[in-house]
Amino acid sequence: MNRKVLAIVGLIVLVVFITGSIVGQMLLARSNTQGISQQQEAEKIEAIDIKVYDTDNNEVKLSDFSGKPVIINFWATWCPYCVDEMGYFENSYQEYGDDIVFMMIDAVDGTRETFEKGKAFIDEHEYTFPVYYDLDQHAVYVYQINSLPTTVFIDKEGYVVAYQPGGLTEDMLAAGIDLLLK
């Protein structure tokens, strides 16, 4: 292999190692509360700002919701667990939508998941929660989403209080909401 290829491979390995270390530390720093990982009080992790796009292709940032608790859910139409939990999010949005910001982020990759597929799915099921599209995969990259669905609970001060890689049950979502409203 030439030097350029070796340098690129080395850089990729370094990025994967650093990312794995950060994610591992985040996961180890949490305790389990009713099936969701809750952030320890002493080791708060500030939520990282992300940008996504609404249905009209307007840029929306997490920081636009500063001062309010936020639930970020990363999903895709091809993901059966994502589809299964959508009803829980819709019901919770109907109940808590005035108190909590719901950022339902479609993890668009341009092949398996497209803006068109995501929008058609939301329209077909008549979901009313806000849907955003990660058209440039910025949010997926920033939050190192390795599996779908993944849900992040952020308190009104902007700290991650719970993180759930994988599907949520209705009780798990309720536990996360309780953490945000306490």
C-alpha atoms as a PDB file:
ATOM      1  CA  MET A   1       0.000   0.000   0.000  1.00  0.00           C
ATOM      2  CA  ASN A   2       1.200   3.497  -0.626  1.00  0.00           C
ATOM      3  CA  ARG A   3       1.731   6.079   2.117  1.00  0.00           C
ATOM      4  CA  LYS A   4      -1.491   7.956   1.423  1.00  0.00           C
ATOM      5  CA  VAL A   5      -3.635   4.818   1.884  1.00  0.00           C
ATOM      6  CA  LEU A   6      -1.731   3.887   5.051  1.00  0.00           C
ATOM      7  CA  ALA A   7      -2.221   7.383   6.449  1.00  0.00           C
ATOM      8  CA  ILE A   8      -5.966   7.266   5.739  1.00  0.00           C
ATOM      9  CA  VAL A   9      -6.324   3.806   7.284  1.00  0.00           C
ATOM     10  CA  GLY A  10      -4.329   4.951  10.318  1.00  0.00           C
ATOM     11  CA  LEU A  11      -6.521   8.021  10.697  1.00  0.00           C
ATOM     12  CA  ILE A  12      -9.694   5.929  10.476  1.00  0.00           C
ATOM     13  CA  VAL A  13      -8.374   3.503  13.120  1.00  0.00           C
ATOM     14  CA  LEU A  14      -7.488   6.439  15.393  1.00  0.00           C
ATOM     15  CA  VAL A  15     -10.946   8.016  14.996  1.00  0.00           C
ATOM     16  CA  VAL A  16     -12.677   4.686  15.706  1.00  0.00           C
ATOM     17  CA  PHE A  17     -10.498   4.144  18.800  1.00  0.00           C
ATOM     18  CA  ILE A  18     -11.146   7.651  20.174  1.00  0.00           C
ATOM     19  CA  THR A  19     -14.867   7.404  19.444  1.00  0.00           C
ATOM     20  CA  GLY A  20     -15.061   3.988  21.105  1.00  0.00           C
ATOM     21  CA  SER A  21     -13.243   5.316  24.155  1.00  0.00           C
ATOM     22  CA  ILE A  22     -15.569   8.302  24.512  1.00  0.00           C
ATOM     23  CA  VAL A  23     -18.712   6.214  24.051  1.00  0.00           C
ATOM     24  CA  GLY A  24     -17.372   3.586  26.450  1.00  0.00           C
ATOM     25  CA  GLN A  25     -16.698   6.226  29.099  1.00  0.00           C
ATOM     26  CA  MET A  26     -20.170   7.684  28.627  1.00  0.00           C
ATOM     27  CA  LEU A  27     -21.781   4.285  29.030  1.00  0.00           C
ATOM     28  CA  LEU A  28     -19.686   3.348  32.066  1.00  0.00           C
ATOM     29  CA  ALA A  29     -20.568   6.631  33.765  1.00  0.00           C
ATOM     30  CA  ARG A  30     -24.255   5.821  33.797  1.00  0.00           C
ATOM     31  CA  SER A  31     -26.431   3.722  36.070  1.00  0.00           C
ATOM     32  CA  ASN A  32     -29.483   1.792  34.905  1.00  0.00           C
ATOM     33  CA  THR A  33     -32.935   3.111  35.847  1.00  0.00           C
ATOM     34  CA  GLN A  34     -35.860   1.009  34.619  1.00  0.00           C
ATOM     35  CA  GLY A  35     -33.935  -0.064  31.540  1.00  0.00           C
ATOM     36  CA  ILE A  36     -32.505   3.297  30.487  1.00  0.00           C
ATOM     37  CA  SER A  37     -29.030   4.556  31.243  1.00  0.00           C
ATOM     38  CA  GLN A  38     -29.168   7.557  33.548  1.00  0.00           C
ATOM     39  CA  GLN A  39     -26.277   9.995  33.770  1.00  0.00           C
ATOM     40  CA  GLN A  40     -24.671  10.266  37.223  1.00  0.00           C
ATOM     41  CA  GLU A  41     -25.243  13.649  38.903  1.00  0.00           C
ATOM     42  CA  ALA A  42     -21.534  14.225  39.638  1.00  0.00           C
ATOM     43  CA  GLU A  43     -20.389  13.597  36.065  1.00  0.00           C
ATOM     44  CA  LYS A  44     -22.753  15.609  33.909  1.00  0.00           C
ATOM     45  CA  ILE A  45     -22.227  15.491  30.177  1.00  0.00           C
ATOM     46  CA  GLU A  46     -23.284  18.555  28.256  1.00  0.00           C
ATOM     47  CA  ALA A  47     -25.333  17.810  25.152  1.00  0.00           C
ATOM     48  CA  ILE A  48     -23.481  18.612  21.945  1.00  0.00           C
ATOM     49  CA  ASP A  49     -25.232  20.934  19.531  1.00  0.00           C
ATOM     50  CA  ILE A  50     -26.391  19.349  16.288  1.00  0.00           C
ATOM     51  CA  LYS A  51     -28.032  20.553  13.119  1.00  0.00           C
ATOM     52  CA  VAL A  52     -30.793  18.797  11.234  1.00  0.00           C
ATOM     53  CA  TYR A  53     -33.462  19.887   8.772  1.00  0.00           C
ATOM     54  CA  ASP A  54     -37.224  20.214   9.019  1.00  0.00           C
ATOM     55  CA  THR A  55     -39.672  19.103   6.332  1.00  0.00           C
ATOM     56  CA  ASP A  56     -39.192  22.413   4.485  1.00  0.00           C
ATOM     57  CA  ASN A  57     -35.386  21.960   4.481  1.00  0.00           C
ATOM     58  CA  ASN A  58     -34.846  24.691   7.088  1.00  0.00           C
ATOM     59  CA  GLU A  59     -31.843  24.130   9.330  1.00  0.00           C
ATOM     60  CA  VAL A  60     -32.762  23.437  12.974  1.00  0.00           C
ATOM     61  CA  LYS A  61     -30.251  23.187  15.804  1.00  0.00           C
ATOM     62  CA  LEU A  62     -30.549  21.560  19.209  1.00  0.00           C
ATOM     63  CA  SER A  63     -29.460  24.905  20.660  1.00  0.00           C
ATOM     64  CA  ASP A  64     -32.654  26.448  19.220  1.00  0.00           C
ATOM     65  CA  PHE A  65     -34.449  24.732  22.125  1.00  0.00           C
ATOM     66  CA  SER A  66     -32.153  25.981  24.868  1.00  0.00           C
ATOM     67  CA  GLY A  67     -33.857  26.140  28.267  1.00  0.00           C
ATOM     68  CA  LYS A  68     -36.326  23.323  27.545  1.00  0.00           C
ATOM     69  CA  PRO A  69     -35.936  19.581  28.099  1.00  0.00           C
ATOM     70  CA  VAL A  70     -35.440  17.661  24.864  1.00  0.00           C
ATOM     71  CA  ILE A  71     -35.925  14.066  23.779  1.00  0.00           C
ATOM     72  CA  ILE A  72     -33.925  13.164  20.692  1.00  0.00           C
ATOM     73  CA  ASN A  73     -34.919   9.924  18.971  1.00  0.00           C
ATOM     74  CA  PHE A  74     -32.837   8.662  16.059  1.00  0.00           C
ATOM     75  CA  TRP A  75     -34.872   6.376  13.791  1.00  0.00           C
ATOM     76  CA  ALA A  76     -35.324   5.081  10.249  1.00  0.00           C
ATOM     77  CA  THR A  77     -38.234   3.514   8.370  1.00  0.00           C
ATOM     78  CA  TRP A  78     -36.361   0.248   7.718  1.00  0.00           C
ATOM     79  CA  CYS A  79     -35.799  -0.299  11.459  1.00  0.00           C
ATOM     80  CA  PRO A  80     -38.572  -2.483  12.985  1.00  0.00           C
ATOM     81  CA  TYR A  81     -37.798  -1.362  16.556  1.00  0.00           C
ATOM     82  CA  CYS A  82     -38.023   2.275  15.460  1.00  0.00           C
ATOM     83  CA  VAL A  83     -41.407   1.650  13.879  1.00  0.00           C
ATOM     84  CA  ASP A  84     -42.621  -0.218  16.988  1.00  0.00           C
ATOM     85  CA  GLU A  85     -41.856   2.648  19.367  1.00  0.00           C
ATOM     86  CA  MET A  86     -43.293   5.458  17.219  1.00  0.00           C
ATOM     87  CA  GLY A  87     -46.718   5.098  18.845  1.00  0.00           C
ATOM     88  CA  TYR A  88     -45.167   5.596  22.300  1.00  0.00           C
ATOM     89  CA  PHE A  89     -43.537   8.794  21.116  1.00  0.00           C
ATOM     90  CA  GLU A  90     -46.754  10.027  19.518  1.00  0.00           C
ATOM     91  CA  ASN A  91     -48.720   9.420  22.731  1.00  0.00           C
ATOM     92  CA  SER A  92     -46.024  11.093  24.828  1.00  0.00           C
ATOM     93  CA  TYR A  93     -45.848  14.045  22.452  1.00  0.00           C
ATOM     94  CA  GLN A  94     -49.619  14.479  22.722  1.00  0.00           C
ATOM     95  CA  GLU A  95     -49.322  14.516  26.523  1.00  0.00           C
ATOM     96  CA  TYR A  96     -46.021  16.373  27.072  1.00  0.00           C
ATOM     97  CA  GLY A  97     -45.453  18.308  23.840  1.00  0.00           C
ATOM     98  CA  ASP A  98     -45.925  21.649  25.592  1.00  0.00           C
ATOM     99  CA  ASP A  99     -43.336  20.798  28.281  1.00  0.00           C
ATOM    100  CA  ILE A 100     -40.748  18.763  26.365  1.00  0.00           C
ATOM    101  CA  VAL A 101     -39.243  19.266  22.921  1.00  0.00           C
ATOM    102  CA  PHE A 102     -39.415  16.111  20.823  1.00  0.00           C
ATOM    103  CA  MET A 103     -36.754  15.867  18.106  1.00  0.00           C
ATOM    104  CA  MET A 104     -37.617  12.796  16.058  1.00  0.00           C
ATOM    105  CA  ILE A 105     -34.569  12.593  13.788  1.00  0.00           C
ATOM    106  CA  ASP A 106     -34.762  10.436  10.680  1.00  0.00           C
ATOM    107  CA  ALA A 107     -31.245   9.040  10.143  1.00  0.00           C
ATOM    108  CA  VAL A 108     -31.107   9.643   6.395  1.00  0.00           C
ATOM    109  CA  ASP A 109     -28.226   7.850   4.697  1.00  0.00           C
ATOM    110  CA  GLY A 110     -29.339   8.426   1.106  1.00  0.00           C
ATOM    111  CA  THR A 111     -29.740   4.748   0.263  1.00  0.00           C
ATOM    112  CA  ARG A 112     -31.647   2.649   2.810  1.00  0.00           C
ATOM    113  CA  GLU A 113     -33.211   5.781   4.265  1.00  0.00           C
ATOM    114  CA  THR A 114     -34.140   8.857   2.264  1.00  0.00           C
ATOM    115  CA  PHE A 115     -36.016  12.038   3.027  1.00  0.00           C
ATOM    116  CA  GLU A 116     -38.838  10.837   0.779  1.00  0.00           C
ATOM    117  CA  LYS A 117     -39.180   7.479   2.578  1.00  0.00           C
ATOM    118  CA  GLY A 118     -39.177   9.140   5.984  1.00  0.00           C
ATOM    119  CA  LYS A 119     -41.697  11.810   5.044  1.00  0.00           C
ATOM    120  CA  ALA A 120     -44.033   9.266   3.407  1.00  0.00           C
ATOM    121  CA  PHE A 121     -43.871   7.068   6.529  1.00  0.00           C
ATOM    122  CA  ILE A 122     -44.738   9.973   8.844  1.00  0.00           C
ATOM    123  CA  ASP A 123     -47.563  11.155   6.555  1.00  0.00           C
ATOM    124  CA  GLU A 124     -48.985   7.638   6.179  1.00  0.00           C
ATOM    125  CA  HIS A 125     -49.155   7.113   9.952  1.00  0.00           C
ATOM    126  CA  GLU A 126     -50.326  10.698  10.601  1.00  0.00           C
ATOM    127  CA  TYR A 127     -47.776  11.314  13.361  1.00  0.00           C
ATOM    128  CA  THR A 128     -47.920  14.839  14.728  1.00  0.00           C
ATOM    129  CA  PHE A 129     -44.610  15.057  16.592  1.00  0.00           C
ATOM    130  CA  PRO A 130     -41.899  17.223  15.017  1.00  0.00           C
ATOM    131  CA  VAL A 131     -39.748  15.297  12.557  1.00  0.00           C
ATOM    132  CA  TYR A 132     -36.287  16.356  11.475  1.00  0.00           C
ATOM    133  CA  TYR A 133     -34.030  14.872   8.841  1.00  0.00           C
ATOM    134  CA  ASP A 134     -30.306  14.291   9.279  1.00  0.00           C
ATOM    135  CA  LEU A 135     -29.599  14.916   5.604  1.00  0.00           C
ATOM    136  CA  ASP A 136     -25.835  15.279   6.006  1.00  0.00           C
ATOM    137  CA  GLN A 137     -25.515  12.708   8.828  1.00  0.00           C
ATOM    138  CA  HIS A 138     -24.177  15.411  11.144  1.00  0.00           C
ATOM    139  CA  ALA A 139     -26.316  14.449  14.145  1.00  0.00           C
ATOM    140  CA  VAL A 140     -25.661  10.711  13.739  1.00  0.00           C
ATOM    141  CA  TYR A 141     -21.929  11.437  13.608  1.00  0.00           C
ATOM    142  CA  VAL A 142     -21.891  13.823  16.580  1.00  0.00           C
ATOM    143  CA  TYR A 143     -23.841  11.450  18.815  1.00  0.00           C
ATOM    144  CA  GLN A 144     -21.989   8.402  17.444  1.00  0.00           C
ATOM    145  CA  ILE A 145     -25.206   6.530  16.713  1.00  0.00           C
ATOM    146  CA  ASN A 146     -24.238   2.926  16.064  1.00  0.00           C
ATOM    147  CA  SER A 147     -27.698   1.394  16.322  1.00  0.00           C
ATOM    148  CA  LEU A 148     -31.228   2.476  15.637  1.00  0.00           C
ATOM    149  CA  PRO A 149     -33.308   3.446  17.405  1.00  0.00           C
ATOM    150  CA  THR A 150     -31.325   5.472  19.929  1.00  0.00           C
ATOM    151  CA  THR A 151     -32.914   7.956  22.310  1.00  0.00           C
ATOM    152  CA  VAL A 152     -31.182  10.753  24.207  1.00  0.00           C
ATOM    153  CA  PHE A 153     -32.857  12.631  27.078  1.00  0.00           C
ATOM    154  CA  ILE A 154     -31.514  16.160  27.670  1.00  0.00           C
ATOM    155  CA  ASP A 155     -32.566  18.270  30.662  1.00  0.00           C
ATOM    156  CA  LYS A 156     -33.487  21.962  30.484  1.00  0.00           C
ATOM    157  CA  GLU A 157     -29.913  22.916  31.474  1.00  0.00           C
ATOM    158  CA  GLY A 158     -28.606  21.107  28.396  1.00  0.00           C
ATOM    159  CA  TYR A 159     -27.153  17.995  30.055  1.00  0.00           C
ATOM    160  CA  VAL A 160     -27.674  14.410  28.944  1.00  0.00           C
ATOM    161  CA  VAL A 161     -29.601  12.697  31.747  1.00  0.00           C
ATOM    162  CA  ALA A 162     -30.318   9.398  29.996  1.00  0.00           C
ATOM    163  CA  TYR A 163     -29.281   7.557  26.873  1.00  0.00           C
ATOM    164  CA  GLN A 164     -30.904   4.445  25.406  1.00  0.00           C
ATOM    165  CA  PRO A 165     -29.317   2.657  22.472  1.00  0.00           C
ATOM    166  CA  GLY A 166     -31.927   0.253  21.135  1.00  0.00           C
ATOM    167  CA  GLY A 167     -35.672   0.154  21.403  1.00  0.00           C
ATOM    168  CA  LEU A 168     -37.685   1.667  24.230  1.00  0.00           C
ATOM    169  CA  THR A 169     -40.715   0.258  25.950  1.00  0.00           C
ATOM    170  CA  GLU A 170     -43.528   2.558  26.937  1.00  0.00           C
ATOM    171  CA  ASP A 171     -42.363   2.318  30.578  1.00  0.00           C
ATOM    172  CA  MET A 172     -38.793   3.193  29.636  1.00  0.00           C
ATOM    173  CA  LEU A 173     -39.966   6.287  27.763  1.00  0.00           C
ATOM    174  CA  ALA A 174     -42.095   7.289  30.759  1.00  0.00           C
ATOM    175  CA  ALA A 175     -39.061   6.864  33.062  1.00  0.00           C
ATOM    176  CA  GLY A 176     -37.003   9.116  30.783  1.00  0.00           C
ATOM    177  CA  ILE A 177     -39.752  11.730  30.742  1.00  0.00           C
ATOM    178  CA  ASP A 178     -39.930  11.597  34.554  1.00  0.00           C
ATOM    179  CA  LEU A 179     -36.202  12.369  34.693  1.00  0.00           C
ATOM    180  CA  LEU A 180     -36.761  15.434  32.508  1.00  0.00           C
ATOM    181  CA  LEU A 181     -39.730  16.762  34.475  1.00  0.00           C
ATOM    182  CA  LYS A 182     -38.362  16.305  37.994  1.00  0.00           C
END
